Amino acid sequence: MKLDRRALLHLSAASAAASVSGLLAARAAWAETYPSHPVRMIVPFAAGGPTDVIARVVAQKLTESLGQQFYVENLPGAGGNTGTAQAAKAAPDGHTLLVVSTGFIVNPSLYAKGVPYDPVKDFAPVTLVAASPNVLTVNPAVPAKSVQELIALIKANPGKYSFAQPATGSTPHLNGELFKLAFGLDLVMVPFTGAAPAITSTIGGHTPIAFTALPPAMTNIKEGKLRALAVLSARRVSAIADVPNAAEAGIPGHEGDTLTGIVVPAGTPAAVDERLNGEIKKLVAQPDVKEKLETLGFAPVADTPAEFAERIKTETVKWSKVINDAKIKIE
């Protein structure tokens, strides 16, 4: 009887090993034959913005390296929710990718009626392709030469200063709200319909302070039309190396980025996810891609799926708290 049981255990172990071996072989075979037909890359925004431009660069390079066409389909609407919901319903076979920005993370907390997708349950992360930091700038006529001086100035003049932001619920907007909350500032928020009008207003002195993404502000900073008090990142930016990062400016924890990443519908084979991740790592290291990203004001990242998943988690916790504490909602 003991021999029979031992034999049965050996048989079970051998069967399990064979199953695992078969699964690994199937995954490897799937990865080798992927993609089997053209791949749609949904961008949930209109053409021409940074997310769209980066998506097209990635699509071109993946087409070249994987031998099938990767093409961009723009599905704008509802702050990115429309295209994202479409992607969530797509077949999980690796032939539909979603190119996301930070709205993918903040929208579930921002929209009063919720959004038609769950960023964690409905999708699997592939990689954070690139990131661009936000920046705190002021009109040169503002007497504050540092963030600490700006805080003191606003506290001494409650309600008299305002800040421009490019879009309700954007990370620059949320950085401004975090700044107000953290230091108890009576600072008026003025929303705009894009970075360009927000920056123009600040240069004109109508809104003496601005929180924006770095790329649209960069030229004006270099030309002296805006004074940058802090790049809201963990590191300085080489193009404006004299501007302190958030911690150096005395506001650690105020880092804020505009993110561009790629996710796939939940259930997509892990082997496909891994292959895409590996190809994107290679392409962002290419000099022409790095140059294009830097021109847009982005730094290449290309992290692992696990690292991107953790980034989504930490960003969700951080910005949902700001949204709730500042009582920001889009109906």
Protein backbone atom coordinates (compact mmCIF):
# COMPACT_ATOMS: atom_id res chain seq x y z
CA MET A 1 0.00 0.00 0.00
CA LYS A 2 2.85 2.38 0.84
CA LEU A 3 4.45 1.68 -2.53
CA ASP A 4 1.20 2.47 -4.32
CA ARG A 5 0.90 5.80 -2.52
CA ARG A 6 4.53 6.65 -3.25
CA ALA A 7 4.05 5.76 -6.90
CA LEU A 8 0.93 7.88 -7.01
CA LEU A 9 2.81 10.86 -5.55
CA HIS A 10 5.59 10.47 -8.11
CA LEU A 11 3.02 10.25 -10.87
CA SER A 12 1.26 13.41 -9.64
CA ALA A 13 4.54 15.30 -9.41
CA ALA A 14 5.54 14.20 -12.89
CA SER A 15 2.14 15.25 -14.23
CA ALA A 16 2.41 18.67 -12.57
CA ALA A 17 5.91 19.18 -13.95
CA ALA A 18 4.72 18.24 -17.41
CA SER A 19 1.83 20.71 -17.13
CA VAL A 20 4.16 23.53 -16.09
CA SER A 21 6.59 22.62 -18.85
CA GLY A 22 3.78 22.61 -21.38
CA LEU A 23 2.51 25.96 -20.16
CA LEU A 24 5.96 27.51 -20.42
CA ALA A 25 6.39 26.08 -23.90
CA ALA A 26 3.01 27.45 -24.96
CA ARG A 27 3.90 30.89 -23.57
CA ALA A 28 7.21 30.87 -25.40
CA ALA A 29 5.55 29.82 -28.65
CA TRP A 30 2.91 32.54 -28.30
CA ALA A 31 5.59 35.16 -27.69
CA GLU A 32 7.52 33.98 -30.75
CA THR A 33 4.50 34.23 -33.07
CA TYR A 34 3.19 37.52 -31.62
CA PRO A 35 1.89 39.67 -33.21
CA SER A 36 0.00 37.66 -35.81
CA HIS A 37 -1.81 40.65 -37.35
CA PRO A 38 -1.80 44.49 -37.09
CA VAL A 39 -1.90 45.92 -33.56
CA ARG A 40 -4.16 48.80 -32.60
CA MET A 41 -2.76 51.37 -30.17
CA ILE A 42 -5.64 53.37 -28.71
CA VAL A 43 -4.79 56.94 -27.71
CA PRO A 44 -7.78 58.34 -25.77
CA PHE A 45 -6.97 61.91 -26.80
CA ALA A 46 -6.97 63.99 -29.97
CA ALA A 47 -4.00 63.81 -32.32
CA GLY A 48 -1.07 66.16 -31.82
CA GLY A 49 -0.62 66.12 -28.04
CA PRO A 50 2.39 64.60 -26.25
CA THR A 51 0.63 61.27 -25.58
CA ASP A 52 -0.25 60.94 -29.25
CA VAL A 53 3.23 61.93 -30.46
CA ILE A 54 4.94 59.44 -28.15
CA ALA A 55 2.46 56.72 -29.17
CA ARG A 56 3.31 57.27 -32.84
CA VAL A 57 7.04 57.05 -32.16
CA VAL A 58 6.54 53.77 -30.26
CA ALA A 59 4.18 52.44 -32.97
CA GLN A 60 6.71 53.09 -35.73
CA LYS A 61 9.54 51.39 -33.85
CA LEU A 62 7.45 48.36 -32.85
CA THR A 63 6.34 47.98 -36.47
CA GLU A 64 9.98 47.87 -37.50
CA SER A 65 11.09 45.43 -34.79
CA LEU A 66 8.11 43.03 -34.68
CA GLY A 67 7.22 42.87 -38.38
CA GLN A 68 3.53 43.74 -38.04
CA GLN A 69 1.93 47.15 -38.30
CA PHE A 70 1.29 48.97 -35.02
CA TYR A 71 -1.11 51.81 -35.73
CA VAL A 72 -2.54 54.62 -33.59
CA GLU A 73 -6.29 55.13 -33.26
CA ASN A 74 -7.37 58.35 -31.56
CA LEU A 75 -10.56 57.98 -29.48
CA PRO A 76 -10.87 61.26 -27.54
CA GLY A 77 -13.63 62.24 -25.15
CA ALA A 78 -14.45 62.71 -21.45
CA GLY A 79 -10.87 63.39 -20.41
CA GLY A 80 -9.66 60.09 -21.88
CA ASN A 81 -12.46 57.97 -20.39
CA THR A 82 -14.11 57.19 -23.73
CA GLY A 83 -11.09 55.58 -25.38
CA THR A 84 -10.03 53.88 -22.18
CA ALA A 85 -13.44 52.23 -21.82
CA GLN A 86 -13.19 50.97 -25.42
CA ALA A 87 -9.77 49.47 -24.70
CA ALA A 88 -11.07 47.73 -21.56
CA LYS A 89 -13.57 45.81 -23.71
CA ALA A 90 -11.02 44.71 -26.31
CA ALA A 91 -9.93 41.10 -26.72
CA PRO A 92 -7.01 40.33 -24.36
CA ASP A 93 -4.76 38.94 -27.07
CA GLY A 94 -2.08 41.63 -27.27
CA HIS A 95 -3.48 43.16 -30.45
CA THR A 96 -5.01 46.14 -28.65
CA LEU A 97 -2.80 48.40 -26.54
CA LEU A 98 -3.83 51.51 -24.62
CA VAL A 99 -1.51 54.48 -24.37
CA VAL A 100 -2.25 56.24 -21.08
CA SER A 101 -1.43 59.49 -19.35
CA THR A 102 -1.87 60.49 -15.72
CA GLY A 103 -5.63 60.90 -16.27
CA PHE A 104 -5.87 57.11 -16.40
CA ILE A 105 -4.87 57.15 -12.73
CA VAL A 106 -6.67 60.25 -11.39
CA ASN A 107 -9.97 60.12 -13.32
CA PRO A 108 -11.60 57.43 -11.13
CA SER A 109 -11.32 59.82 -8.15
CA LEU A 110 -11.98 62.97 -10.16
CA TYR A 111 -15.27 62.18 -11.89
CA ALA A 112 -18.26 62.45 -9.58
CA LYS A 113 -20.17 59.66 -11.34
CA GLY A 114 -17.12 57.44 -11.67
CA VAL A 115 -15.53 56.15 -14.85
CA PRO A 116 -16.41 53.15 -17.06
CA TYR A 117 -13.24 51.25 -16.23
CA ASP A 118 -11.06 50.14 -13.34
CA PRO A 119 -7.38 50.98 -13.98
CA VAL A 120 -6.22 47.99 -11.91
CA LYS A 121 -8.82 45.27 -12.57
CA ASP A 122 -9.43 45.98 -16.27
CA PHE A 123 -5.83 46.41 -17.40
CA ALA A 124 -2.35 44.96 -17.02
CA PRO A 125 0.61 47.36 -17.13
CA VAL A 126 3.29 46.95 -19.80
CA THR A 127 5.59 49.85 -19.05
CA LEU A 128 5.84 53.51 -18.18
CA VAL A 129 7.42 54.73 -21.41
CA ALA A 130 8.40 58.24 -20.32
CA ALA A 131 7.68 60.97 -17.78
CA SER A 132 7.86 64.75 -17.71
CA PRO A 133 7.93 66.77 -14.48
CA ASN A 134 5.69 69.67 -13.58
CA VAL A 135 7.18 73.05 -12.73
CA LEU A 136 6.28 75.94 -10.42
CA THR A 137 6.88 79.30 -12.09
CA VAL A 138 6.14 82.95 -11.33
CA ASN A 139 6.04 86.19 -13.23
CA PRO A 140 9.48 87.87 -12.88
CA ALA A 141 7.79 90.81 -11.13
CA VAL A 142 6.83 88.58 -8.19
CA PRO A 143 9.34 89.42 -5.44
CA ALA A 144 9.80 85.79 -4.32
CA LYS A 145 13.05 84.25 -5.53
CA SER A 146 12.45 80.84 -3.93
CA VAL A 147 9.56 78.57 -2.99
CA GLN A 148 9.97 79.41 0.69
CA GLU A 149 9.83 83.14 -0.09
CA LEU A 150 6.72 82.54 -2.20
CA ILE A 151 5.00 80.73 0.67
CA ALA A 152 5.82 83.62 3.02
CA LEU A 153 4.60 86.15 0.45
CA ILE A 154 1.25 84.41 -0.03
CA LYS A 155 0.74 84.03 3.72
CA ALA A 156 1.42 87.74 4.19
CA ASN A 157 -1.12 88.60 1.47
CA PRO A 158 -4.04 86.16 1.85
CA GLY A 159 -6.36 86.02 -1.15
CA LYS A 160 -4.27 88.44 -3.21
CA TYR A 161 -2.32 85.91 -5.25
CA SER A 162 -3.59 83.38 -7.79
CA PHE A 163 -2.16 80.48 -9.75
CA ALA A 164 -2.87 79.36 -13.28
CA GLN A 165 -3.31 75.69 -14.15
CA PRO A 166 -3.85 74.07 -17.58
CA ALA A 167 -6.79 71.70 -16.97
CA THR A 168 -8.96 70.67 -14.05
CA GLY A 169 -7.71 67.39 -12.66
CA SER A 170 -4.36 67.53 -14.45
CA THR A 171 -1.30 66.86 -12.32
CA PRO A 172 -0.20 70.52 -12.55
CA HIS A 173 -3.59 71.49 -11.13
CA LEU A 174 -3.29 68.87 -8.41
CA ASN A 175 0.26 70.04 -7.62
CA GLY A 176 -1.16 73.53 -7.07
CA GLU A 177 -3.89 72.22 -4.81
CA LEU A 178 -1.37 70.13 -2.85
CA PHE A 179 0.74 73.26 -2.41
CA LYS A 180 -2.27 75.14 -1.00
CA LEU A 181 -3.26 72.30 1.32
CA ALA A 182 0.23 71.56 2.60
CA PHE A 183 0.97 75.12 3.65
CA GLY A 184 -2.54 76.38 4.43
CA LEU A 185 -2.42 79.04 1.72
CA ASP A 186 -5.23 81.38 0.72
CA LEU A 187 -4.33 81.14 -2.96
CA VAL A 188 -6.87 81.52 -5.76
CA MET A 189 -6.93 78.80 -8.43
CA VAL A 190 -7.61 79.92 -12.02
CA PRO A 191 -8.30 77.13 -14.55
CA PHE A 192 -7.38 77.41 -18.21
CA THR A 193 -8.01 75.25 -21.26
CA GLY A 194 -4.40 74.32 -21.83
CA ALA A 195 -0.85 75.12 -20.83
CA ALA A 196 -0.36 77.84 -23.44
CA PRO A 197 -3.09 80.21 -22.15
CA ALA A 198 -2.08 79.50 -18.53
CA ILE A 199 1.51 80.47 -19.29
CA THR A 200 0.44 83.52 -21.31
CA SER A 201 -1.65 84.70 -18.36
CA THR A 202 1.29 84.32 -15.99
CA ILE A 203 3.70 86.12 -18.32
CA GLY A 204 1.13 88.93 -18.52
CA GLY A 205 0.90 89.08 -14.72
CA HIS A 206 -2.82 88.32 -14.62
CA THR A 207 -2.14 85.14 -12.66
CA PRO A 208 1.32 85.73 -11.14
CA ILE A 209 1.94 82.04 -10.35
CA ALA A 210 1.63 78.97 -12.57
CA PHE A 211 1.73 75.22 -12.13
CA THR A 212 2.24 73.57 -15.52
CA ALA A 213 4.06 70.72 -17.18
CA LEU A 214 7.66 71.64 -17.90
CA PRO A 215 7.75 71.34 -21.73
CA PRO A 216 5.40 74.26 -22.59
CA ALA A 217 7.11 76.48 -20.00
CA MET A 218 10.71 75.64 -20.87
CA THR A 219 11.36 78.26 -23.57
CA ASN A 220 9.80 81.04 -21.49
CA ILE A 221 11.93 80.04 -18.51
CA LYS A 222 15.09 80.15 -20.61
CA GLU A 223 14.13 83.52 -22.09
CA GLY A 224 13.43 85.00 -18.65
CA LYS A 225 9.72 85.53 -19.25
CA LEU A 226 9.00 83.18 -16.35
CA ARG A 227 11.03 82.52 -13.20
CA ALA A 228 11.11 78.83 -12.29
CA LEU A 229 11.18 78.29 -8.53
CA ALA A 230 11.15 74.48 -8.56
CA VAL A 231 11.00 71.55 -10.92
CA LEU A 232 8.52 69.23 -9.21
CA SER A 233 10.61 66.09 -9.57
CA ALA A 234 13.11 64.00 -7.63
CA ARG A 235 16.00 65.24 -9.78
CA ARG A 236 17.05 68.46 -11.43
CA VAL A 237 16.51 68.84 -15.18
CA SER A 238 19.71 69.34 -17.15
CA ALA A 239 18.16 71.91 -19.50
CA ILE A 240 17.51 74.24 -16.53
CA ALA A 241 20.11 72.86 -14.14
CA ASP A 242 20.07 75.91 -11.86
CA VAL A 243 16.43 75.28 -10.85
CA PRO A 244 16.11 73.17 -7.66
CA ASN A 245 14.04 70.01 -7.49
CA ALA A 246 11.13 69.68 -5.05
CA ALA A 247 13.17 68.44 -2.07
CA GLU A 248 15.90 71.05 -2.62
CA ALA A 249 13.21 73.75 -2.75
CA GLY A 250 11.95 72.63 0.66
CA ILE A 251 8.78 70.88 -0.53
CA PRO A 252 9.57 67.15 -0.54
CA GLY A 253 6.58 65.04 -1.48
CA HIS A 254 5.39 67.60 -4.03
CA GLU A 255 6.83 65.74 -6.99
CA GLY A 256 4.40 65.55 -9.89
CA ASP A 257 4.82 64.14 -13.36
CA THR A 258 2.94 63.91 -16.60
CA LEU A 259 3.17 60.21 -17.43
CA THR A 260 2.92 58.33 -20.72
CA GLY A 261 2.63 54.56 -20.41
CA ILE A 262 1.21 51.49 -22.11
CA VAL A 263 -1.27 48.99 -20.69
CA VAL A 264 -3.17 46.03 -22.17
CA PRO A 265 -6.59 44.56 -21.38
CA ALA A 266 -6.57 42.29 -18.33
CA GLY A 267 -6.06 38.66 -19.27
CA THR A 268 -3.54 39.36 -22.01
CA PRO A 269 -0.94 36.54 -21.94
CA ALA A 270 2.03 37.42 -19.74
CA ALA A 271 4.41 36.35 -22.49
CA VAL A 272 2.99 39.04 -24.78
CA ASP A 273 3.27 41.61 -22.01
CA GLU A 274 6.90 40.62 -21.43
CA ARG A 275 7.77 40.75 -25.12
CA LEU A 276 6.26 44.20 -25.54
CA ASN A 277 8.10 45.39 -22.44
CA GLY A 278 11.42 44.09 -23.79
CA GLU A 279 10.92 45.70 -27.19
CA ILE A 280 9.95 49.06 -25.69
CA LYS A 281 13.01 48.99 -23.42
CA LYS A 282 15.16 48.58 -26.52
CA LEU A 283 13.46 51.28 -28.55
CA VAL A 284 13.56 54.03 -25.90
CA ALA A 285 17.31 53.47 -25.64
CA GLN A 286 17.76 54.35 -29.33
CA PRO A 287 19.34 57.81 -29.80
CA ASP A 288 16.65 59.13 -32.16
CA VAL A 289 13.86 58.11 -29.77
CA LYS A 290 15.65 59.62 -26.76
CA GLU A 291 16.13 62.84 -28.74
CA LYS A 292 12.43 62.94 -29.70
CA LEU A 293 11.35 62.38 -26.10
CA GLU A 294 13.71 65.07 -24.83
CA THR A 295 12.38 67.50 -27.46
CA LEU A 296 8.92 66.90 -26.01
CA GLY A 297 10.29 67.48 -22.51
CA PHE A 298 10.07 63.82 -21.47
CA ALA A 299 12.70 61.52 -20.02
CA PRO A 300 12.65 57.84 -21.06
CA VAL A 301 11.73 55.37 -18.31
CA ALA A 302 10.73 51.95 -19.75
CA ASP A 303 10.33 50.22 -16.38
CA THR A 304 9.03 46.70 -15.73
CA PRO A 305 5.32 45.82 -15.56
CA ALA A 306 5.65 45.34 -11.79
CA GLU A 307 7.33 48.73 -11.36
CA PHE A 308 4.66 50.44 -13.46
CA ALA A 309 1.94 48.69 -11.42
CA GLU A 310 3.50 50.05 -8.23
CA ARG A 311 3.73 53.54 -9.75
CA ILE A 312 0.03 53.43 -10.65
CA LYS A 313 -0.76 52.39 -7.06
CA THR A 314 1.31 55.13 -5.39
CA GLU A 315 0.07 57.85 -7.77
CA THR A 316 -3.53 56.78 -7.16
CA VAL A 317 -3.13 57.06 -3.39
CA LYS A 318 -1.34 60.42 -3.60
CA TRP A 319 -3.64 62.22 -6.03
CA SER A 320 -6.93 60.76 -4.82
CA LYS A 321 -6.16 62.22 -1.38
CA VAL A 322 -5.52 65.65 -2.91
CA ILE A 323 -8.70 65.42 -4.99
CA ASN A 324 -10.78 64.48 -1.94
CA ASP A 325 -9.17 66.98 0.44
CA ALA A 326 -9.50 69.82 -2.07
CA LYS A 327 -13.06 68.70 -2.95
CA ILE A 328 -12.37 68.63 -6.70
CA LYS A 329 -15.01 66.91 -8.80
CA ILE A 330 -16.00 66.87 -12.48
CA GLU A 331 -19.71 66.26 -12.99
